[in-house]
Amino acid sequence: MNDRSTYINGLRALADLLEAKPDLPPPSVGTDGEISWHISARSYDNVAETIAMIARLIPGRLEKNSSDDEYGSIYFELSGSLAGLPVKIWTFREDVCRKVVTGTREVQKQVPVGYETVTETVDVFGWECEPILAKAISG
């Protein structure tokens, strides 16, 4: 099967899924053909619940992005595929995770007083994310 037919089969699977689940919000299609659900706290009362509902409908394993880089510290993503069609569910990380201080580090910066370089201790942050499907599986 070539990429085009895989994409078409994935679109058919997506159409079947949307037809079978009327409460499933429709995804967006990017200019590159990527299918994604942006679940925003402005549009959804419970972001984590909505993401979990969509995630349960996508067969196979979903990969969570890392929070270790600048992009991942802002956005939470689950990526997978639907009949070979790449799909993504995403939101702002702060909508589903708690920001916690994991330590400190020293950084140097320029200060306006004579523009000296000073060293100061700043918080180092990480993210604690509850497993998005934990409640659905356990209860």
N, C-alpha and C. Protein backbone atom coordinates (compact mmCIF):
# COMPACT_ATOMS: atom_id res chain seq x y z
N MET A 1 0.85 -1.18 0.00
CA MET A 1 0.00 0.00 0.00
C MET A 1 0.90 1.25 0.00
N ASN A 2 0.57 2.22 -0.85
CA ASN A 2 1.40 3.42 -0.90
C ASN A 2 0.88 4.48 0.07
N ASP A 3 1.64 5.56 0.21
CA ASP A 3 1.29 6.61 1.17
C ASP A 3 -0.08 7.20 0.88
N ARG A 4 -0.40 7.40 -0.39
CA ARG A 4 -1.69 7.98 -0.75
C ARG A 4 -2.84 7.08 -0.33
N SER A 5 -2.74 5.79 -0.63
CA SER A 5 -3.84 4.89 -0.26
C SER A 5 -3.93 4.72 1.27
N THR A 6 -2.80 4.77 1.95
CA THR A 6 -2.82 4.72 3.43
C THR A 6 -3.55 5.94 3.97
N TYR A 7 -3.25 7.10 3.42
CA TYR A 7 -3.89 8.35 3.84
C TYR A 7 -5.40 8.27 3.61
N ILE A 8 -5.79 7.81 2.43
CA ILE A 8 -7.22 7.69 2.09
C ILE A 8 -7.90 6.70 3.02
N ASN A 9 -7.28 5.56 3.30
CA ASN A 9 -7.87 4.58 4.22
C ASN A 9 -8.01 5.16 5.62
N GLY A 10 -7.01 5.95 6.03
CA GLY A 10 -7.08 6.61 7.33
C GLY A 10 -8.22 7.61 7.39
N LEU A 11 -8.41 8.36 6.31
CA LEU A 11 -9.53 9.31 6.27
C LEU A 11 -10.87 8.59 6.35
N ARG A 12 -10.97 7.44 5.69
CA ARG A 12 -12.21 6.64 5.79
C ARG A 12 -12.43 6.16 7.23
N ALA A 13 -11.36 5.72 7.87
CA ALA A 13 -11.48 5.27 9.26
C ALA A 13 -11.88 6.45 10.15
N LEU A 14 -11.34 7.63 9.88
CA LEU A 14 -11.70 8.83 10.64
C LEU A 14 -13.17 9.17 10.42
N ALA A 15 -13.63 9.12 9.19
CA ALA A 15 -15.04 9.40 8.89
C ALA A 15 -15.94 8.40 9.61
N ASP A 16 -15.58 7.12 9.60
CA ASP A 16 -16.36 6.10 10.31
C ASP A 16 -16.41 6.40 11.80
N LEU A 17 -15.27 6.79 12.35
CA LEU A 17 -15.18 7.10 13.77
C LEU A 17 -16.05 8.31 14.13
N LEU A 18 -15.98 9.37 13.33
CA LEU A 18 -16.80 10.56 13.58
C LEU A 18 -18.29 10.25 13.45
N GLU A 19 -18.63 9.39 12.51
CA GLU A 19 -20.04 9.02 12.32
C GLU A 19 -20.54 8.17 13.48
N ALA A 20 -19.71 7.26 13.98
CA ALA A 20 -20.09 6.37 15.07
C ALA A 20 -20.12 7.07 16.42
N LYS A 21 -19.36 8.13 16.58
CA LYS A 21 -19.25 8.84 17.87
C LYS A 21 -19.64 10.31 17.67
N PRO A 22 -20.94 10.62 17.71
CA PRO A 22 -21.37 11.99 17.46
C PRO A 22 -20.84 13.01 18.48
N ASP A 23 -20.45 12.56 19.68
CA ASP A 23 -19.91 13.49 20.68
C ASP A 23 -18.42 13.77 20.47
N LEU A 24 -17.79 13.09 19.52
CA LEU A 24 -16.38 13.31 19.22
C LEU A 24 -16.23 14.62 18.46
N PRO A 25 -15.46 15.57 19.00
CA PRO A 25 -15.28 16.82 18.27
C PRO A 25 -14.52 16.57 16.96
N PRO A 26 -14.87 17.30 15.92
CA PRO A 26 -14.14 17.10 14.67
C PRO A 26 -12.72 17.64 14.78
N PRO A 27 -11.77 16.97 14.16
CA PRO A 27 -10.38 17.45 14.21
C PRO A 27 -10.15 18.52 13.16
N SER A 28 -8.98 19.10 13.22
CA SER A 28 -8.51 20.05 12.20
C SER A 28 -7.57 19.30 11.26
N VAL A 29 -7.46 19.81 10.06
CA VAL A 29 -6.52 19.24 9.10
C VAL A 29 -5.53 20.34 8.74
N GLY A 30 -4.25 20.06 9.01
CA GLY A 30 -3.21 21.04 8.70
C GLY A 30 -2.90 21.09 7.22
N THR A 31 -2.11 22.05 6.81
CA THR A 31 -1.76 22.19 5.40
C THR A 31 -0.94 20.99 4.91
N ASP A 32 -0.29 20.28 5.84
CA ASP A 32 0.48 19.09 5.47
C ASP A 32 -0.37 17.83 5.53
N GLY A 33 -1.69 17.99 5.78
CA GLY A 33 -2.59 16.85 5.85
C GLY A 33 -2.66 16.21 7.22
N GLU A 34 -1.93 16.76 8.20
CA GLU A 34 -1.94 16.20 9.55
C GLU A 34 -3.32 16.42 10.19
N ILE A 35 -3.82 15.39 10.82
CA ILE A 35 -5.10 15.44 11.52
C ILE A 35 -4.81 15.70 12.99
N SER A 36 -5.43 16.74 13.56
CA SER A 36 -5.15 17.03 14.97
C SER A 36 -6.38 17.59 15.67
N TRP A 37 -6.47 17.24 16.94
CA TRP A 37 -7.49 17.79 17.82
C TRP A 37 -6.79 18.75 18.77
N HIS A 38 -7.16 20.02 18.74
CA HIS A 38 -6.66 20.98 19.72
C HIS A 38 -7.73 21.12 20.78
N ILE A 39 -7.44 20.66 21.98
CA ILE A 39 -8.39 20.70 23.08
C ILE A 39 -7.98 21.84 24.00
N SER A 40 -8.73 22.91 23.95
CA SER A 40 -8.39 24.13 24.67
C SER A 40 -9.29 24.32 25.88
N ALA A 41 -8.74 24.84 26.96
CA ALA A 41 -9.53 25.13 28.16
C ALA A 41 -10.58 26.20 27.86
N ARG A 42 -10.37 26.99 26.82
CA ARG A 42 -11.37 27.99 26.45
C ARG A 42 -12.61 27.34 25.85
N SER A 43 -12.45 26.16 25.25
CA SER A 43 -13.57 25.50 24.57
C SER A 43 -14.12 24.29 25.31
N TYR A 44 -13.34 23.71 26.22
CA TYR A 44 -13.76 22.48 26.89
C TYR A 44 -13.66 22.65 28.40
N ASP A 45 -14.69 22.22 29.11
CA ASP A 45 -14.70 22.33 30.57
C ASP A 45 -13.63 21.46 31.21
N ASN A 46 -13.47 20.24 30.72
CA ASN A 46 -12.49 19.32 31.29
C ASN A 46 -11.56 18.84 30.18
N VAL A 47 -10.44 19.50 30.06
CA VAL A 47 -9.50 19.21 28.98
C VAL A 47 -8.99 17.77 29.05
N ALA A 48 -8.57 17.34 30.25
CA ALA A 48 -8.00 15.99 30.40
C ALA A 48 -9.04 14.93 30.04
N GLU A 49 -10.28 15.11 30.48
CA GLU A 49 -11.34 14.14 30.16
C GLU A 49 -11.59 14.07 28.66
N THR A 50 -11.61 15.21 28.01
CA THR A 50 -11.84 15.24 26.56
C THR A 50 -10.70 14.57 25.82
N ILE A 51 -9.46 14.86 26.23
CA ILE A 51 -8.31 14.21 25.60
C ILE A 51 -8.38 12.70 25.81
N ALA A 52 -8.72 12.28 27.02
CA ALA A 52 -8.81 10.84 27.31
C ALA A 52 -9.88 10.18 26.46
N MET A 53 -11.03 10.85 26.28
CA MET A 53 -12.11 10.29 25.46
C MET A 53 -11.64 10.08 24.02
N ILE A 54 -10.95 11.06 23.47
CA ILE A 54 -10.44 10.92 22.10
C ILE A 54 -9.37 9.85 22.04
N ALA A 55 -8.46 9.85 23.01
CA ALA A 55 -7.35 8.88 23.03
C ALA A 55 -7.86 7.45 23.08
N ARG A 56 -8.94 7.20 23.82
CA ARG A 56 -9.50 5.84 23.88
C ARG A 56 -10.02 5.37 22.54
N LEU A 57 -10.38 6.29 21.67
CA LEU A 57 -10.94 5.94 20.37
C LEU A 57 -9.88 5.67 19.31
N ILE A 58 -8.64 6.07 19.59
CA ILE A 58 -7.54 5.86 18.64
C ILE A 58 -6.89 4.52 18.97
N PRO A 59 -6.94 3.57 18.03
CA PRO A 59 -6.35 2.26 18.32
C PRO A 59 -4.82 2.32 18.40
N GLY A 60 -4.26 1.42 19.16
CA GLY A 60 -2.80 1.36 19.26
C GLY A 60 -2.27 2.31 20.30
N ARG A 61 -0.95 2.36 20.35
CA ARG A 61 -0.24 3.16 21.35
C ARG A 61 -0.15 4.62 20.92
N LEU A 62 -0.38 5.51 21.85
CA LEU A 62 -0.18 6.94 21.62
C LEU A 62 1.10 7.35 22.34
N GLU A 63 1.92 8.13 21.66
CA GLU A 63 3.18 8.60 22.23
C GLU A 63 2.99 10.02 22.77
N LYS A 64 3.46 10.23 24.01
CA LYS A 64 3.40 11.55 24.62
C LYS A 64 4.71 12.27 24.35
N ASN A 65 4.63 13.55 23.99
CA ASN A 65 5.86 14.31 23.76
C ASN A 65 6.57 14.61 25.08
N SER A 66 7.83 14.90 24.99
CA SER A 66 8.64 15.21 26.15
C SER A 66 8.44 16.67 26.56
N SER A 67 8.55 16.94 27.84
CA SER A 67 8.46 18.32 28.33
C SER A 67 9.85 18.93 28.52
N ASP A 68 10.89 18.26 28.04
CA ASP A 68 12.26 18.68 28.30
C ASP A 68 12.76 19.81 27.40
N ASP A 69 12.08 20.10 26.31
CA ASP A 69 12.55 21.18 25.45
C ASP A 69 11.56 22.35 25.50
N GLU A 70 11.88 23.42 24.83
CA GLU A 70 11.04 24.62 24.90
C GLU A 70 9.63 24.35 24.38
N TYR A 71 9.51 23.64 23.24
CA TYR A 71 8.20 23.33 22.67
C TYR A 71 7.39 22.46 23.63
N GLY A 72 8.01 21.39 24.13
CA GLY A 72 7.33 20.46 25.02
C GLY A 72 6.98 21.06 26.37
N SER A 73 7.69 22.11 26.77
CA SER A 73 7.35 22.74 28.04
C SER A 73 6.09 23.60 27.90
N ILE A 74 5.69 23.87 26.68
CA ILE A 74 4.48 24.66 26.43
C ILE A 74 3.31 23.78 26.00
N TYR A 75 3.58 22.80 25.13
CA TYR A 75 2.51 21.99 24.55
C TYR A 75 2.58 20.54 25.00
N PHE A 76 1.41 19.96 25.29
CA PHE A 76 1.25 18.55 25.61
C PHE A 76 0.65 17.89 24.38
N GLU A 77 1.28 16.83 23.89
CA GLU A 77 0.79 16.15 22.69
C GLU A 77 0.75 14.64 22.88
N LEU A 78 -0.29 14.04 22.32
CA LEU A 78 -0.35 12.59 22.16
C LEU A 78 -0.42 12.34 20.66
N SER A 79 0.47 11.50 20.14
CA SER A 79 0.51 11.22 18.70
C SER A 79 0.33 9.74 18.47
N GLY A 80 -0.39 9.40 17.43
CA GLY A 80 -0.61 8.02 17.05
C GLY A 80 -1.04 7.95 15.60
N SER A 81 -1.74 6.87 15.26
CA SER A 81 -2.24 6.76 13.89
C SER A 81 -3.58 6.04 13.87
N LEU A 82 -4.34 6.36 12.89
CA LEU A 82 -5.66 5.78 12.68
C LEU A 82 -5.62 5.17 11.28
N ALA A 83 -5.53 3.85 11.22
CA ALA A 83 -5.41 3.13 9.94
C ALA A 83 -4.26 3.69 9.11
N GLY A 84 -3.16 4.03 9.76
CA GLY A 84 -1.99 4.56 9.07
C GLY A 84 -1.98 6.07 8.91
N LEU A 85 -3.08 6.72 9.25
CA LEU A 85 -3.18 8.18 9.15
C LEU A 85 -2.64 8.81 10.43
N PRO A 86 -1.58 9.63 10.35
CA PRO A 86 -1.05 10.25 11.57
C PRO A 86 -2.09 11.19 12.20
N VAL A 87 -2.27 11.03 13.52
CA VAL A 87 -3.20 11.89 14.26
C VAL A 87 -2.50 12.40 15.51
N LYS A 88 -2.97 13.56 15.97
CA LYS A 88 -2.38 14.17 17.16
C LYS A 88 -3.49 14.82 17.97
N ILE A 89 -3.38 14.70 19.30
CA ILE A 89 -4.26 15.39 20.23
C ILE A 89 -3.35 16.31 21.03
N TRP A 90 -3.68 17.59 21.12
CA TRP A 90 -2.77 18.49 21.82
C TRP A 90 -3.52 19.59 22.57
N THR A 91 -2.81 20.12 23.56
CA THR A 91 -3.31 21.23 24.36
C THR A 91 -2.11 21.94 24.95
N PHE A 92 -2.37 22.99 25.69
CA PHE A 92 -1.29 23.63 26.42
C PHE A 92 -0.97 22.77 27.63
N ARG A 93 0.30 22.54 27.89
CA ARG A 93 0.71 21.65 28.98
C ARG A 93 0.11 22.09 30.31
N GLU A 94 0.00 23.39 30.54
CA GLU A 94 -0.55 23.88 31.82
C GLU A 94 -2.01 23.49 32.01
N ASP A 95 -2.70 23.08 30.94
CA ASP A 95 -4.11 22.67 31.06
C ASP A 95 -4.27 21.24 31.58
N VAL A 96 -3.20 20.45 31.54
CA VAL A 96 -3.30 19.05 31.99
C VAL A 96 -2.20 18.64 32.96
N CYS A 97 -1.27 19.53 33.25
CA CYS A 97 -0.15 19.19 34.12
C CYS A 97 0.04 20.27 35.18
N ARG A 98 0.70 19.90 36.27
CA ARG A 98 1.08 20.86 37.31
C ARG A 98 2.56 21.20 37.14
N LYS A 99 2.87 22.48 37.15
CA LYS A 99 4.26 22.91 37.07
C LYS A 99 4.84 22.86 38.47
N VAL A 100 5.94 22.15 38.63
CA VAL A 100 6.55 21.98 39.95
C VAL A 100 8.03 22.35 39.87
N VAL A 101 8.55 22.88 40.95
CA VAL A 101 9.98 23.17 41.03
C VAL A 101 10.70 21.86 41.31
N THR A 102 11.67 21.53 40.47
CA THR A 102 12.41 20.27 40.63
C THR A 102 13.83 20.51 41.13
N GLY A 103 14.20 21.76 41.30
CA GLY A 103 15.54 22.09 41.78
C GLY A 103 15.87 23.52 41.43
N THR A 104 17.14 23.85 41.51
CA THR A 104 17.60 25.18 41.14
C THR A 104 18.87 25.04 40.33
N ARG A 105 19.23 26.10 39.64
CA ARG A 105 20.49 26.16 38.92
C ARG A 105 20.94 27.60 38.92
N GLU A 106 22.21 27.81 38.73
CA GLU A 106 22.74 29.16 38.70
C GLU A 106 22.87 29.61 37.25
N VAL A 107 22.43 30.82 37.00
CA VAL A 107 22.53 31.39 35.66
C VAL A 107 23.19 32.75 35.76
N GLN A 108 23.86 33.13 34.71
CA GLN A 108 24.48 34.45 34.67
C GLN A 108 23.66 35.33 33.76
N LYS A 109 23.49 36.59 34.17
CA LYS A 109 22.75 37.52 33.34
C LYS A 109 23.31 38.91 33.52
N GLN A 110 23.02 39.74 32.56
CA GLN A 110 23.45 41.13 32.59
C GLN A 110 22.43 41.92 33.42
N VAL A 111 22.92 42.76 34.32
CA VAL A 111 22.05 43.62 35.11
C VAL A 111 22.37 45.07 34.77
N PRO A 112 21.37 45.95 34.82
CA PRO A 112 21.57 47.32 34.39
C PRO A 112 22.58 48.12 35.21
N VAL A 113 22.91 47.72 36.42
CA VAL A 113 23.86 48.48 37.25
C VAL A 113 25.26 48.25 36.69
N GLY A 114 25.68 49.08 35.79
CA GLY A 114 27.00 48.96 35.21
C GLY A 114 27.15 47.73 34.33
N TYR A 115 26.10 47.05 34.07
CA TYR A 115 26.11 45.87 33.22
C TYR A 115 27.14 44.85 33.66
N GLU A 116 27.10 44.54 34.94
CA GLU A 116 27.96 43.50 35.47
C GLU A 116 27.30 42.15 35.23
N THR A 117 28.11 41.13 35.16
CA THR A 117 27.59 39.78 35.09
C THR A 117 27.50 39.25 36.51
N VAL A 118 26.30 38.83 36.90
CA VAL A 118 26.09 38.31 38.24
C VAL A 118 25.57 36.88 38.13
N THR A 119 25.76 36.13 39.17
CA THR A 119 25.23 34.77 39.23
C THR A 119 24.11 34.77 40.24
N GLU A 120 23.00 34.19 39.87
CA GLU A 120 21.87 34.08 40.79
C GLU A 120 21.29 32.68 40.70
N THR A 121 20.57 32.30 41.73
CA THR A 121 19.92 30.99 41.75
C THR A 121 18.48 31.15 41.28
N VAL A 122 18.09 30.34 40.31
CA VAL A 122 16.73 30.39 39.77
C VAL A 122 16.11 29.01 39.89
N ASP A 123 14.78 28.97 39.93
CA ASP A 123 14.08 27.69 40.00
C ASP A 123 14.19 26.95 38.68
N VAL A 124 14.28 25.65 38.76
CA VAL A 124 14.23 24.77 37.61
C VAL A 124 12.87 24.09 37.68
N PHE A 125 12.11 24.13 36.58
CA PHE A 125 10.77 23.59 36.59
C PHE A 125 10.69 22.29 35.82
N GLY A 126 9.76 21.47 36.19
CA GLY A 126 9.40 20.26 35.48
C GLY A 126 7.88 20.19 35.48
N TRP A 127 7.35 19.17 34.89
CA TRP A 127 5.90 19.02 34.82
C TRP A 127 5.52 17.66 35.37
N GLU A 128 4.50 17.63 36.21
CA GLU A 128 3.95 16.38 36.71
C GLU A 128 2.61 16.18 36.03
N CYS A 129 2.53 15.17 35.19
CA CYS A 129 1.30 14.90 34.45
C CYS A 129 0.71 13.58 34.93
N GLU A 130 -0.54 13.62 35.30
CA GLU A 130 -1.23 12.39 35.65
C GLU A 130 -1.44 11.62 34.35
N PRO A 131 -1.39 10.29 34.41
CA PRO A 131 -1.68 9.52 33.18
C PRO A 131 -3.07 9.91 32.68
N ILE A 132 -3.15 10.31 31.44
CA ILE A 132 -4.36 10.88 30.88
C ILE A 132 -5.53 9.90 30.89
N LEU A 133 -5.24 8.60 30.84
CA LEU A 133 -6.30 7.60 30.81
C LEU A 133 -6.49 6.92 32.17
N ALA A 134 -5.79 7.33 33.20
CA ALA A 134 -5.80 6.61 34.48
C ALA A 134 -7.21 6.50 35.06
N LYS A 135 -7.98 7.58 35.08
CA LYS A 135 -9.32 7.54 35.65
C LYS A 135 -10.23 6.66 34.84
N ALA A 136 -10.10 6.70 33.51
CA ALA A 136 -10.96 5.91 32.66
C ALA A 136 -10.71 4.42 32.85
N ILE A 137 -9.46 4.05 33.08
CA ILE A 137 -9.11 2.64 33.23
C ILE A 137 -9.48 2.14 34.62
N SER A 138 -9.24 2.98 35.64
CA SER A 138 -9.45 2.50 37.01
C SER A 138 -10.90 2.66 37.47
N GLY A 139 -11.66 3.44 36.83
CA GLY A 139 -13.01 3.63 37.35
C GLY A 139 -13.91 4.00 36.27
